[in-house]
PDB file of N, CA and C in Angstrom:
ATOM      1  N   PHE A   1       0.800  -1.205   0.000  1.00  0.00           N
ATOM      2  CA  PHE A   1       0.000   0.000   0.000  1.00  0.00           C
ATOM      3  C   PHE A   1       0.839   1.264   0.000  1.00  0.00           C
ATOM      4  N   GLY A   2       2.143   1.144   0.069  1.00  0.00           N
ATOM      5  CA  GLY A   2       2.996   2.322   0.004  1.00  0.00           C
ATOM      6  C   GLY A   2       3.273   2.986   1.332  1.00  0.00           C
ATOM      7  N   HIS A   3       2.945   2.334   2.451  1.00  0.00           N
ATOM      8  CA  HIS A   3       3.155   2.971   3.759  1.00  0.00           C
ATOM      9  C   HIS A   3       4.633   3.286   3.990  1.00  0.00           C
ATOM     10  N   TYR A   4       5.501   2.357   3.656  1.00  0.00           N
ATOM     11  CA  TYR A   4       6.934   2.576   3.868  1.00  0.00           C
ATOM     12  C   TYR A   4       7.438   3.718   2.990  1.00  0.00           C
ATOM     13  N   ILE A   5       6.888   3.847   1.786  1.00  0.00           N
ATOM     14  CA  ILE A   5       7.275   4.956   0.910  1.00  0.00           C
ATOM     15  C   ILE A   5       6.813   6.275   1.515  1.00  0.00           C
ATOM     16  N   ASN A   6       5.592   6.311   2.004  1.00  0.00           N
ATOM     17  CA  ASN A   6       5.084   7.547   2.606  1.00  0.00           C
ATOM     18  C   ASN A   6       5.832   7.905   3.882  1.00  0.00           C
ATOM     19  N   GLN A   7       6.237   6.919   4.661  1.00  0.00           N
ATOM     20  CA  GLN A   7       7.025   7.213   5.860  1.00  0.00           C
ATOM     21  C   GLN A   7       8.348   7.862   5.475  1.00  0.00           C
ATOM     22  N   ALA A   8       8.981   7.335   4.443  1.00  0.00           N
ATOM     23  CA  ALA A   8      10.250   7.903   3.983  1.00  0.00           C
ATOM     24  C   ALA A   8      10.045   9.312   3.431  1.00  0.00           C
ATOM     25  N   ARG A   9       8.993   9.494   2.644  1.00  0.00           N
ATOM     26  CA  ARG A   9       8.707  10.822   2.088  1.00  0.00           C
ATOM     27  C   ARG A   9       8.448  11.828   3.207  1.00  0.00           C
ATOM     28  N   ALA A  10       7.656  11.445   4.196  1.00  0.00           N
ATOM     29  CA  ALA A  10       7.340  12.343   5.312  1.00  0.00           C
ATOM     30  C   ALA A  10       8.598  12.737   6.078  1.00  0.00           C
ATOM     31  N   ALA A  11       9.545  11.815   6.177  1.00  0.00           N
ATOM     32  CA  ALA A  11      10.784  12.079   6.903  1.00  0.00           C
ATOM     33  C   ALA A  11      11.785  12.886   6.080  1.00  0.00           C
ATOM     34  N   GLY A  12      11.488  13.097   4.797  1.00  0.00           N
ATOM     35  CA  GLY A  12      12.405  13.851   3.950  1.00  0.00           C
ATOM     36  C   GLY A  12      13.534  13.021   3.380  1.00  0.00           C
ATOM     37  N   ALA A  13      13.315  11.710   3.266  1.00  0.00           N
ATOM     38  CA  ALA A  13      14.334  10.825   2.702  1.00  0.00           C
ATOM     39  C   ALA A  13      14.221  10.785   1.181  1.00  0.00           C
ATOM     40  N   LEU A  14      15.319  10.528   0.527  1.00  0.00           N
ATOM     41  CA  LEU A  14      15.314  10.314  -0.918  1.00  0.00           C
ATOM     42  C   LEU A  14      14.874   8.871  -1.164  1.00  0.00           C
ATOM     43  N   VAL A  15      13.794   8.695  -1.892  1.00  0.00           N
ATOM     44  CA  VAL A  15      13.211   7.372  -2.107  1.00  0.00           C
ATOM     45  C   VAL A  15      13.693   6.792  -3.431  1.00  0.00           C
ATOM     46  N   VAL A  16      14.140   5.542  -3.377  1.00  0.00           N
ATOM     47  CA  VAL A  16      14.460   4.749  -4.560  1.00  0.00           C
ATOM     48  C   VAL A  16      13.443   3.620  -4.577  1.00  0.00           C
ATOM     49  N   THR A  17      12.640   3.547  -5.648  1.00  0.00           N
ATOM     50  CA  THR A  17      11.577   2.546  -5.684  1.00  0.00           C
ATOM     51  C   THR A  17      11.325   2.080  -7.109  1.00  0.00           C
ATOM     52  N   THR A  18      10.465   1.121  -7.239  1.00  0.00           N
ATOM     53  CA  THR A  18      10.146   0.515  -8.523  1.00  0.00           C
ATOM     54  C   THR A  18       9.263   1.435  -9.361  1.00  0.00           C
ATOM     55  N   ASN A  19       9.569   1.513 -10.639  1.00  0.00           N
ATOM     56  CA  ASN A  19       8.768   2.306 -11.574  1.00  0.00           C
ATOM     57  C   ASN A  19       7.565   1.473 -12.024  1.00  0.00           C
ATOM     58  N   ALA A  20       6.688   1.214 -11.068  1.00  0.00           N
ATOM     59  CA  ALA A  20       5.490   0.408 -11.305  1.00  0.00           C
ATOM     60  C   ALA A  20       4.448   0.800 -10.272  1.00  0.00           C
ATOM     61  N   ALA A  21       3.194   0.593 -10.647  1.00  0.00           N
ATOM     62  CA  ALA A  21       2.101   0.909  -9.717  1.00  0.00           C
ATOM     63  C   ALA A  21       2.098  -0.084  -8.563  1.00  0.00           C
ATOM     64  N   PRO A  22       1.814   0.354  -7.361  1.00  0.00           N
ATOM     65  CA  PRO A  22       1.431   1.700  -6.963  1.00  0.00           C
ATOM     66  C   PRO A  22       2.609   2.580  -6.548  1.00  0.00           C
ATOM     67  N   MET A  23       3.839   2.028  -6.588  1.00  0.00           N
ATOM     68  CA  MET A  23       4.989   2.787  -6.094  1.00  0.00           C
ATOM     69  C   MET A  23       5.192   4.096  -6.853  1.00  0.00           C
ATOM     70  N   ASN A  24       5.047   4.047  -8.183  1.00  0.00           N
ATOM     71  CA  ASN A  24       5.275   5.259  -8.972  1.00  0.00           C
ATOM     72  C   ASN A  24       4.088   6.215  -8.939  1.00  0.00           C
ATOM     73  N   GLU A  25       3.080   5.879  -8.161  1.00  0.00           N
ATOM     74  CA  GLU A  25       1.996   6.827  -7.904  1.00  0.00           C
ATOM     75  C   GLU A  25       2.362   7.762  -6.747  1.00  0.00           C
ATOM     76  N   PHE A  26       3.372   7.375  -5.983  1.00  0.00           N
ATOM     77  CA  PHE A  26       3.851   8.185  -4.861  1.00  0.00           C
ATOM     78  C   PHE A  26       5.126   8.947  -5.208  1.00  0.00           C
ATOM     79  N   VAL A  27       5.930   8.378  -6.079  1.00  0.00           N
ATOM     80  CA  VAL A  27       7.247   8.928  -6.410  1.00  0.00           C
ATOM     81  C   VAL A  27       7.345   9.072  -7.923  1.00  0.00           C
ATOM     82  N   ASP A  28       7.847  10.214  -8.369  1.00  0.00           N
ATOM     83  CA  ASP A  28       8.129  10.385  -9.794  1.00  0.00           C
ATOM     84  C   ASP A  28       9.587  10.819  -9.943  1.00  0.00           C
ATOM     85  N   GLU A  29       9.999  11.119 -11.162  1.00  0.00           N
ATOM     86  CA  GLU A  29      11.402  11.441 -11.405  1.00  0.00           C
ATOM     87  C   GLU A  29      11.848  12.752 -10.769  1.00  0.00           C
ATOM     88  N   SER A  30      10.898  13.587 -10.342  1.00  0.00           N
ATOM     89  CA  SER A  30      11.284  14.832  -9.672  1.00  0.00           C
ATOM     90  C   SER A  30      11.444  14.650  -8.168  1.00  0.00           C
ATOM     91  N   SER A  31      10.950  13.530  -7.653  1.00  0.00           N
ATOM     92  CA  SER A  31      10.929  13.354  -6.198  1.00  0.00           C
ATOM     93  C   SER A  31      11.568  12.051  -5.731  1.00  0.00           C
ATOM     94  N   GLY A  32      12.238  11.344  -6.622  1.00  0.00           N
ATOM     95  CA  GLY A  32      12.889  10.102  -6.249  1.00  0.00           C
ATOM     96  C   GLY A  32      13.503   9.435  -7.459  1.00  0.00           C
ATOM     97  N   VAL A  33      14.072   8.274  -7.233  1.00  0.00           N
ATOM     98  CA  VAL A  33      14.703   7.503  -8.304  1.00  0.00           C
ATOM     99  C   VAL A  33      13.844   6.277  -8.561  1.00  0.00           C
ATOM    100  N   LEU A  34      13.469   6.100  -9.827  1.00  0.00           N
ATOM    101  CA  LEU A  34      12.612   4.981 -10.213  1.00  0.00           C
ATOM    102  C   LEU A  34      13.447   3.908 -10.901  1.00  0.00           C
ATOM    103  N   ILE A  35      13.242   2.675 -10.459  1.00  0.00           N
ATOM    104  CA  ILE A  35      13.973   1.527 -10.986  1.00  0.00           C
ATOM    105  C   ILE A  35      13.051   0.743 -11.909  1.00  0.00           C
ATOM    106  N   GLY A  36      13.542   0.417 -13.087  1.00  0.00           N
ATOM    107  CA  GLY A  36      12.753  -0.333 -14.058  1.00  0.00           C
ATOM    108  C   GLY A  36      12.353  -1.711 -13.548  1.00  0.00           C
ATOM    109  N   ALA A  37      11.183  -2.147 -13.977  1.00  0.00           N
ATOM    110  CA  ALA A  37      10.662  -3.452 -13.572  1.00  0.00           C
ATOM    111  C   ALA A  37       9.860  -4.036 -14.720  1.00  0.00           C
ATOM    112  N   SER A  38       9.727  -5.352 -14.726  1.00  0.00           N
ATOM    113  CA  SER A  38       8.897  -5.997 -15.746  1.00  0.00           C
ATOM    114  C   SER A  38       7.744  -6.714 -15.056  1.00  0.00           C
ATOM    115  N   ALA A  39       6.574  -6.600 -15.689  1.00  0.00           N
ATOM    116  CA  ALA A  39       5.345  -7.154 -15.110  1.00  0.00           C
ATOM    117  C   ALA A  39       5.296  -8.664 -15.294  1.00  0.00           C
ATOM    118  N   ARG A  40       4.702  -9.299 -14.298  1.00  0.00           N
ATOM    119  CA  ARG A  40       4.487 -10.740 -14.350  1.00  0.00           C
ATOM    120  C   ARG A  40       3.110 -11.006 -13.763  1.00  0.00           C
ATOM    121  N   GLY A  41       2.269 -11.714 -14.469  1.00  0.00           N
ATOM    122  CA  GLY A  41       0.944 -12.065 -13.967  1.00  0.00           C
ATOM    123  C   GLY A  41       1.028 -13.052 -12.819  1.00  0.00           C
ATOM    124  N   THR A  42       0.003 -13.076 -12.003  1.00  0.00           N
ATOM    125  CA  THR A  42      -0.010 -13.963 -10.834  1.00  0.00           C
ATOM    126  C   THR A  42      -1.037 -15.078 -10.940  1.00  0.00           C
ATOM    127  N   ASN A  43      -1.754 -15.125 -12.046  1.00  0.00           N
ATOM    128  CA  ASN A  43      -2.773 -16.164 -12.235  1.00  0.00           C
ATOM    129  C   ASN A  43      -3.759 -16.230 -11.076  1.00  0.00           C
ATOM    130  N   GLY A  44      -4.170 -15.062 -10.593  1.00  0.00           N
ATOM    131  CA  GLY A  44      -5.185 -15.001  -9.552  1.00  0.00           C
ATOM    132  C   GLY A  44      -4.702 -15.308  -8.155  1.00  0.00           C
ATOM    133  N   ARG A  45      -3.396 -15.348  -7.919  1.00  0.00           N
ATOM    134  CA  ARG A  45      -2.872 -15.678  -6.588  1.00  0.00           C
ATOM    135  C   ARG A  45      -2.856 -14.499  -5.630  1.00  0.00           C
ATOM    136  N   VAL A  46      -3.279 -13.330  -6.073  1.00  0.00           N
ATOM    137  CA  VAL A  46      -3.309 -12.176  -5.178  1.00  0.00           C
ATOM    138  C   VAL A  46      -4.745 -11.795  -4.890  1.00  0.00           C
ATOM    139  N   MET A  47      -4.983 -11.263  -3.697  1.00  0.00           N
ATOM    140  CA  MET A  47      -6.345 -10.921  -3.289  1.00  0.00           C
ATOM    141  C   MET A  47      -6.754  -9.528  -3.746  1.00  0.00           C
ATOM    142  N   MET A  48      -5.797  -8.649  -3.987  1.00  0.00           N
ATOM    143  CA  MET A  48      -6.133  -7.264  -4.317  1.00  0.00           C
ATOM    144  C   MET A  48      -5.368  -6.839  -5.560  1.00  0.00           C
ATOM    145  N   GLY A  49      -5.764  -5.713  -6.104  1.00  0.00           N
ATOM    146  CA  GLY A  49      -5.068  -5.172  -7.259  1.00  0.00           C
ATOM    147  C   GLY A  49      -5.446  -5.887  -8.536  1.00  0.00           C
ATOM    148  N   ASP A  50      -4.621  -5.671  -9.546  1.00  0.00           N
ATOM    149  CA  ASP A  50      -4.931  -6.229 -10.858  1.00  0.00           C
ATOM    150  C   ASP A  50      -4.248  -7.562 -11.117  1.00  0.00           C
ATOM    151  N   GLY A  51      -3.639  -8.145 -10.103  1.00  0.00           N
ATOM    152  CA  GLY A  51      -2.996  -9.438 -10.273  1.00  0.00           C
ATOM    153  C   GLY A  51      -1.639  -9.353 -10.937  1.00  0.00           C
ATOM    154  N   THR A  52      -0.951  -8.244 -10.768  1.00  0.00           N
ATOM    155  CA  THR A  52       0.368  -8.071 -11.367  1.00  0.00           C
ATOM    156  C   THR A  52       1.423  -8.001 -10.276  1.00  0.00           C
ATOM    157  N   GLU A  53       2.488  -8.729 -10.490  1.00  0.00           N
ATOM    158  CA  GLU A  53       3.681  -8.600  -9.654  1.00  0.00           C
ATOM    159  C   GLU A  53       4.783  -8.037 -10.537  1.00  0.00           C
ATOM    160  N   TRP A  54       5.811  -7.493  -9.917  1.00  0.00           N
ATOM    161  CA  TRP A  54       6.873  -6.835 -10.667  1.00  0.00           C
ATOM    162  C   TRP A  54       8.207  -7.485 -10.358  1.00  0.00           C
ATOM    163  N   ASP A  55       8.931  -7.836 -11.409  1.00  0.00           N
ATOM    164  CA  ASP A  55      10.279  -8.381 -11.275  1.00  0.00           C
ATOM    165  C   ASP A  55      11.286  -7.264 -11.506  1.00  0.00           C
ATOM    166  N   VAL A  56      12.290  -7.217 -10.657  1.00  0.00           N
ATOM    167  CA  VAL A  56      13.348  -6.215 -10.771  1.00  0.00           C
ATOM    168  C   VAL A  56      14.677  -6.952 -10.856  1.00  0.00           C
ATOM    169  N   GLU A  57      15.453  -6.609 -11.855  1.00  0.00           N
ATOM    170  CA  GLU A  57      16.777  -7.206 -12.021  1.00  0.00           C
ATOM    171  C   GLU A  57      17.757  -6.568 -11.034  1.00  0.00           C
ATOM    172  N   PRO A  58      18.647  -7.367 -10.460  1.00  0.00           N
ATOM    173  CA  PRO A  58      19.653  -6.788  -9.562  1.00  0.00           C
ATOM    174  C   PRO A  58      20.447  -5.657 -10.221  1.00  0.00           C
ATOM    175  N   SER A  59      20.721  -5.788 -11.509  1.00  0.00           N
ATOM    176  CA  SER A  59      21.475  -4.732 -12.200  1.00  0.00           C
ATOM    177  C   SER A  59      20.694  -3.418 -12.231  1.00  0.00           C
ATOM    178  N   ALA A  60      19.358  -3.491 -12.263  1.00  0.00           N
ATOM    179  CA  ALA A  60      18.536  -2.272 -12.240  1.00  0.00           C
ATOM    180  C   ALA A  60      18.620  -1.593 -10.873  1.00  0.00           C
ATOM    181  N   ILE A  61      18.670  -2.397  -9.816  1.00  0.00           N
ATOM    182  CA  ILE A  61      18.832  -1.830  -8.472  1.00  0.00           C
ATOM    183  C   ILE A  61      20.188  -1.131  -8.374  1.00  0.00           C
ATOM    184  N   CYS A  62      21.225  -1.794  -8.876  1.00  0.00           N
ATOM    185  CA  CYS A  62      22.560  -1.183  -8.856  1.00  0.00           C
ATOM    186  C   CYS A  62      22.582   0.109  -9.659  1.00  0.00           C
ATOM    187  N   ALA A  63      21.917   0.121 -10.814  1.00  0.00           N
ATOM    188  CA  ALA A  63      21.876   1.333 -11.640  1.00  0.00           C
ATOM    189  C   ALA A  63      21.165   2.466 -10.904  1.00  0.00           C
ATOM    190  N   GLY A  64      20.101   2.151 -10.191  1.00  0.00           N
ATOM    191  CA  GLY A  64      19.396   3.167  -9.407  1.00  0.00           C
ATOM    192  C   GLY A  64      20.270   3.736  -8.309  1.00  0.00           C
ATOM    193  N   MET A  65      21.010   2.858  -7.640  1.00  0.00           N
ATOM    194  CA  MET A  65      21.897   3.338  -6.584  1.00  0.00           C
ATOM    195  C   MET A  65      23.053   4.144  -7.164  1.00  0.00           C
ATOM    196  N   ASP A  66      23.557   3.713  -8.335  1.00  0.00           N
ATOM    197  CA  ASP A  66      24.603   4.497  -9.005  1.00  0.00           C
ATOM    198  C   ASP A  66      24.094   5.890  -9.350  1.00  0.00           C
ATOM    199  N   GLN A  67      22.828   5.970  -9.749  1.00  0.00           N
ATOM    200  CA  GLN A  67      22.226   7.270 -10.068  1.00  0.00           C
ATOM    201  C   GLN A  67      22.225   8.172  -8.833  1.00  0.00           C
ATOM    202  N   VAL A  68      21.871   7.608  -7.691  1.00  0.00           N
ATOM    203  CA  VAL A  68      21.873   8.386  -6.446  1.00  0.00           C
ATOM    204  C   VAL A  68      23.291   8.827  -6.097  1.00  0.00           C
ATOM    205  N   LEU A  69      24.237   7.906  -6.193  1.00  0.00           N
ATOM    206  CA  LEU A  69      25.616   8.226  -5.823  1.00  0.00           C
ATOM    207  C   LEU A  69      26.252   9.246  -6.761  1.00  0.00           C
ATOM    208  N   ALA A  70      25.769   9.318  -7.998  1.00  0.00           N
ATOM    209  CA  ALA A  70      26.303  10.282  -8.961  1.00  0.00           C
ATOM    210  C   ALA A  70      25.759  11.694  -8.733  1.00  0.00           C
ATOM    211  N   MET A  71      24.695  11.810  -7.955  1.00  0.00           N
ATOM    212  CA  MET A  71      24.109  13.126  -7.678  1.00  0.00           C
ATOM    213  C   MET A  71      24.963  13.881  -6.668  1.00  0.00           C
ATOM    214  N   THR A  72      24.911  15.189  -6.766  1.00  0.00           N
ATOM    215  CA  THR A  72      25.550  15.998  -5.729  1.00  0.00           C
ATOM    216  C   THR A  72      24.689  15.916  -4.463  1.00  0.00           C
ATOM    217  N   PRO A  73      25.279  16.175  -3.311  1.00  0.00           N
ATOM    218  CA  PRO A  73      24.458  16.209  -2.096  1.00  0.00           C
ATOM    219  C   PRO A  73      23.297  17.194  -2.215  1.00  0.00           C
ATOM    220  N   TYR A  74      23.539  18.325  -2.875  1.00  0.00           N
ATOM    221  CA  TYR A  74      22.481  19.317  -3.055  1.00  0.00           C
ATOM    222  C   TYR A  74      21.339  18.745  -3.897  1.00  0.00           C
ATOM    223  N   ALA A  75      21.665  18.049  -4.986  1.00  0.00           N
ATOM    224  CA  ALA A  75      20.630  17.462  -5.851  1.00  0.00           C
ATOM    225  C   ALA A  75      19.829  16.405  -5.095  1.00  0.00           C
ATOM    226  N   ARG A  76      20.515  15.587  -4.297  1.00  0.00           N
ATOM    227  CA  ARG A  76      19.799  14.584  -3.485  1.00  0.00           C
ATOM    228  C   ARG A  76      18.865  15.268  -2.495  1.00  0.00           C
ATOM    229  N   GLN A  77      19.352  16.321  -1.866  1.00  0.00           N
ATOM    230  CA  GLN A  77      18.535  17.045  -0.891  1.00  0.00           C
ATOM    231  C   GLN A  77      17.313  17.665  -1.556  1.00  0.00           C
ATOM    232  N   LYS A  78      17.498  18.298  -2.710  1.00  0.00           N
ATOM    233  CA  LYS A  78      16.373  18.936  -3.405  1.00  0.00           C
ATOM    234  C   LYS A  78      15.337  17.900  -3.835  1.00  0.00           C
ATOM    235  N   MET A  79      15.783  16.749  -4.320  1.00  0.00           N
ATOM    236  CA  MET A  79      14.857  15.702  -4.735  1.00  0.00           C
ATOM    237  C   MET A  79      14.082  15.176  -3.526  1.00  0.00           C
ATOM    238  N   ALA A  80      14.771  14.961  -2.426  1.00  0.00           N
ATOM    239  CA  ALA A  80      14.110  14.486  -1.209  1.00  0.00           C
ATOM    240  C   ALA A  80      13.111  15.522  -0.695  1.00  0.00           C
ATOM    241  N   GLN A  81      13.489  16.787  -0.745  1.00  0.00           N
ATOM    242  CA  GLN A  81      12.570  17.847  -0.310  1.00  0.00           C
ATOM    243  C   GLN A  81      11.328  17.902  -1.194  1.00  0.00           C
ATOM    244  N   GLU A  82      11.499  17.666  -2.483  1.00  0.00           N
ATOM    245  CA  GLU A  82      10.346  17.647  -3.386  1.00  0.00           C
ATOM    246  C   GLU A  82       9.419  16.481  -3.036  1.00  0.00           C
ATOM    247  N   GLY A  83       9.998  15.338  -2.713  1.00  0.00           N
ATOM    248  CA  GLY A  83       9.185  14.207  -2.277  1.00  0.00           C
ATOM    249  C   GLY A  83       8.424  14.518  -1.001  1.00  0.00           C
ATOM    250  N   GLN A  84       9.080  15.177  -0.066  1.00  0.00           N
ATOM    251  CA  GLN A  84       8.425  15.550   1.185  1.00  0.00           C
ATOM    252  C   GLN A  84       7.313  16.566   0.939  1.00  0.00           C
ATOM    253  N   ARG A  85       7.564  17.542   0.075  1.00  0.00           N
ATOM    254  CA  ARG A  85       6.544  18.538  -0.254  1.00  0.00           C
ATOM    255  C   ARG A  85       5.322  17.868  -0.880  1.00  0.00           C
ATOM    256  N   LYS A  86       5.560  16.961  -1.815  1.00  0.00           N
ATOM    257  CA  LYS A  86       4.446  16.262  -2.466  1.00  0.00           C
ATOM    258  C   LYS A  86       3.674  15.418  -1.457  1.00  0.00           C
ATOM    259  N   TYR A  87       4.388  14.792  -0.530  1.00  0.00           N
ATOM    260  CA  TYR A  87       3.713  13.993   0.493  1.00  0.00           C
ATOM    261  C   TYR A  87       2.741  14.862   1.288  1.00  0.00           C
ATOM    262  N   PHE A  88       3.211  16.000   1.779  1.00  0.00           N
ATOM    263  CA  PHE A  88       2.342  16.838   2.606  1.00  0.00           C
ATOM    264  C   PHE A  88       1.223  17.482   1.796  1.00  0.00           C
ATOM    265  N   ASP A  89       1.473  17.772   0.523  1.00  0.00           N
ATOM    266  CA  ASP A  89       0.383  18.240  -0.348  1.00  0.00           C
ATOM    267  C   ASP A  89      -0.696  17.168  -0.480  1.00  0.00           C
ATOM    268  N   GLN A  90      -0.266  15.927  -0.719  1.00  0.00           N
ATOM    269  CA  GLN A  90      -1.221  14.825  -0.865  1.00  0.00           C
ATOM    270  C   GLN A  90      -1.941  14.540   0.444  1.00  0.00           C
ATOM    271  N   LEU A  91      -1.239  14.661   1.549  1.00  0.00           N
ATOM    272  CA  LEU A  91      -1.862  14.464   2.852  1.00  0.00           C
ATOM    273  C   LEU A  91      -2.938  15.515   3.089  1.00  0.00           C
ATOM    274  N   GLY A  92      -2.649  16.760   2.750  1.00  0.00           N
ATOM    275  CA  GLY A  92      -3.646  17.824   2.890  1.00  0.00           C
ATOM    276  C   GLY A  92      -4.856  17.582   2.015  1.00  0.00           C
ATOM    277  N   TYR A  93      -4.630  17.126   0.793  1.00  0.00           N
ATOM    278  CA  TYR A  93      -5.735  16.820  -0.115  1.00  0.00           C
ATOM    279  C   TYR A  93      -6.589  15.689   0.459  1.00  0.00           C
ATOM    280  N   PHE A  94      -5.936  14.632   0.936  1.00  0.00           N
ATOM    281  CA  PHE A  94      -6.657  13.495   1.514  1.00  0.00           C
ATOM    282  C   PHE A  94      -7.478  13.940   2.723  1.00  0.00           C
ATOM    283  N   ARG A  95      -6.866  14.748   3.578  1.00  0.00           N
ATOM    284  CA  ARG A  95      -7.570  15.236   4.767  1.00  0.00           C
ATOM    285  C   ARG A  95      -8.811  16.035   4.364  1.00  0.00           C
ATOM    286  N   ALA A  96      -8.677  16.907   3.376  1.00  0.00           N
ATOM    287  CA  ALA A  96      -9.819  17.711   2.918  1.00  0.00           C
ATOM    288  C   ALA A  96     -10.918  16.818   2.349  1.00  0.00           C
ATOM    289  N   GLN A  97     -10.538  15.808   1.595  1.00  0.00           N
ATOM    290  CA  GLN A  97     -11.527  14.897   1.024  1.00  0.00           C
ATOM    291  C   GLN A  97     -12.254  14.117   2.122  1.00  0.00           C
ATOM    292  N   MET A  98     -11.522  13.686   3.138  1.00  0.00           N
ATOM    293  CA  MET A  98     -12.152  12.953   4.240  1.00  0.00           C
ATOM    294  C   MET A  98     -13.074  13.867   5.036  1.00  0.00           C
ATOM    295  N   ASN A  99     -12.695  15.120   5.228  1.00  0.00           N
ATOM    296  CA  ASN A  99     -13.582  16.068   5.909  1.00  0.00           C
ATOM    297  C   ASN A  99     -14.848  16.302   5.105  1.00  0.00           C
ATOM    298  N   ASP A 100     -14.715  16.424   3.782  1.00  0.00           N
ATOM    299  CA  ASP A 100     -15.895  16.575   2.925  1.00  0.00           C
ATOM    300  C   ASP A 100     -16.798  15.351   3.024  1.00  0.00           C
ATOM    301  N   LEU A 101     -16.208  14.167   3.023  1.00  0.00           N
ATOM    302  CA  LEU A 101     -16.991  12.937   3.142  1.00  0.00           C
ATOM    303  C   LEU A 101     -17.702  12.884   4.489  1.00  0.00           C
ATOM    304  N   ARG A 102     -16.995  13.221   5.539  1.00  0.00           N
ATOM    305  CA  ARG A 102     -17.600  13.217   6.870  1.00  0.00           C
ATOM    306  C   ARG A 102     -18.766  14.202   6.935  1.00  0.00           C
ATOM    307  N   ASP A 103     -18.588  15.394   6.370  1.00  0.00           N
ATOM    308  CA  ASP A 103     -19.679  16.377   6.339  1.00  0.00           C
ATOM    309  C   ASP A 103     -20.873  15.847   5.553  1.00  0.00           C
ATOM    310  N   TRP A 104     -20.615  15.209   4.443  1.00  0.00           N
ATOM    311  CA  TRP A 104     -21.689  14.650   3.613  1.00  0.00           C
ATOM    312  C   TRP A 104     -22.439  13.550   4.368  1.00  0.00           C
ATOM    313  N   LEU A 105     -21.703  12.696   5.071  1.00  0.00           N
ATOM    314  CA  LEU A 105     -22.333  11.604   5.819  1.00  0.00           C
ATOM    315  C   LEU A 105     -23.181  12.114   6.977  1.00  0.00           C
ATOM    316  N   ARG A 106     -22.834  13.250   7.524  1.00  0.00           N
ATOM    317  CA  ARG A 106     -23.586  13.811   8.651  1.00  0.00           C
ATOM    318  C   ARG A 106     -24.878  14.499   8.210  1.00  0.00           C
ATOM    319  N   GLN A 107     -25.054  14.713   6.938  1.00  0.00           N
ATOM    320  CA  GLN A 107     -26.260  15.400   6.441  1.00  0.00           C
ATOM    321  C   GLN A 107     -27.480  14.506   6.542  1.00  0.00           C
TER     322      GLN A 107
END
């Protein structure tokens, strides 16, 4: 569900994650490093989602880490700050939507 990604974003960490749903719904190229993945069907073995799992090659993980290490400390900091900003923007949006729902339910 992305809880670990959101915890990292809230803390201002630079997130390295898979370029696949739902991970890339939380992180994009402006707010983290996305690692390529290939889809694999699960033949109905999962209870939620569209039944897709993602395979990641070890070399793709290494390439993602190399990308982070090649960044300047300033670039890493700015990317992490953008992730944190997006997290709090999304949190505010979610909070507003839940308040609207609560108001609607009370009518």
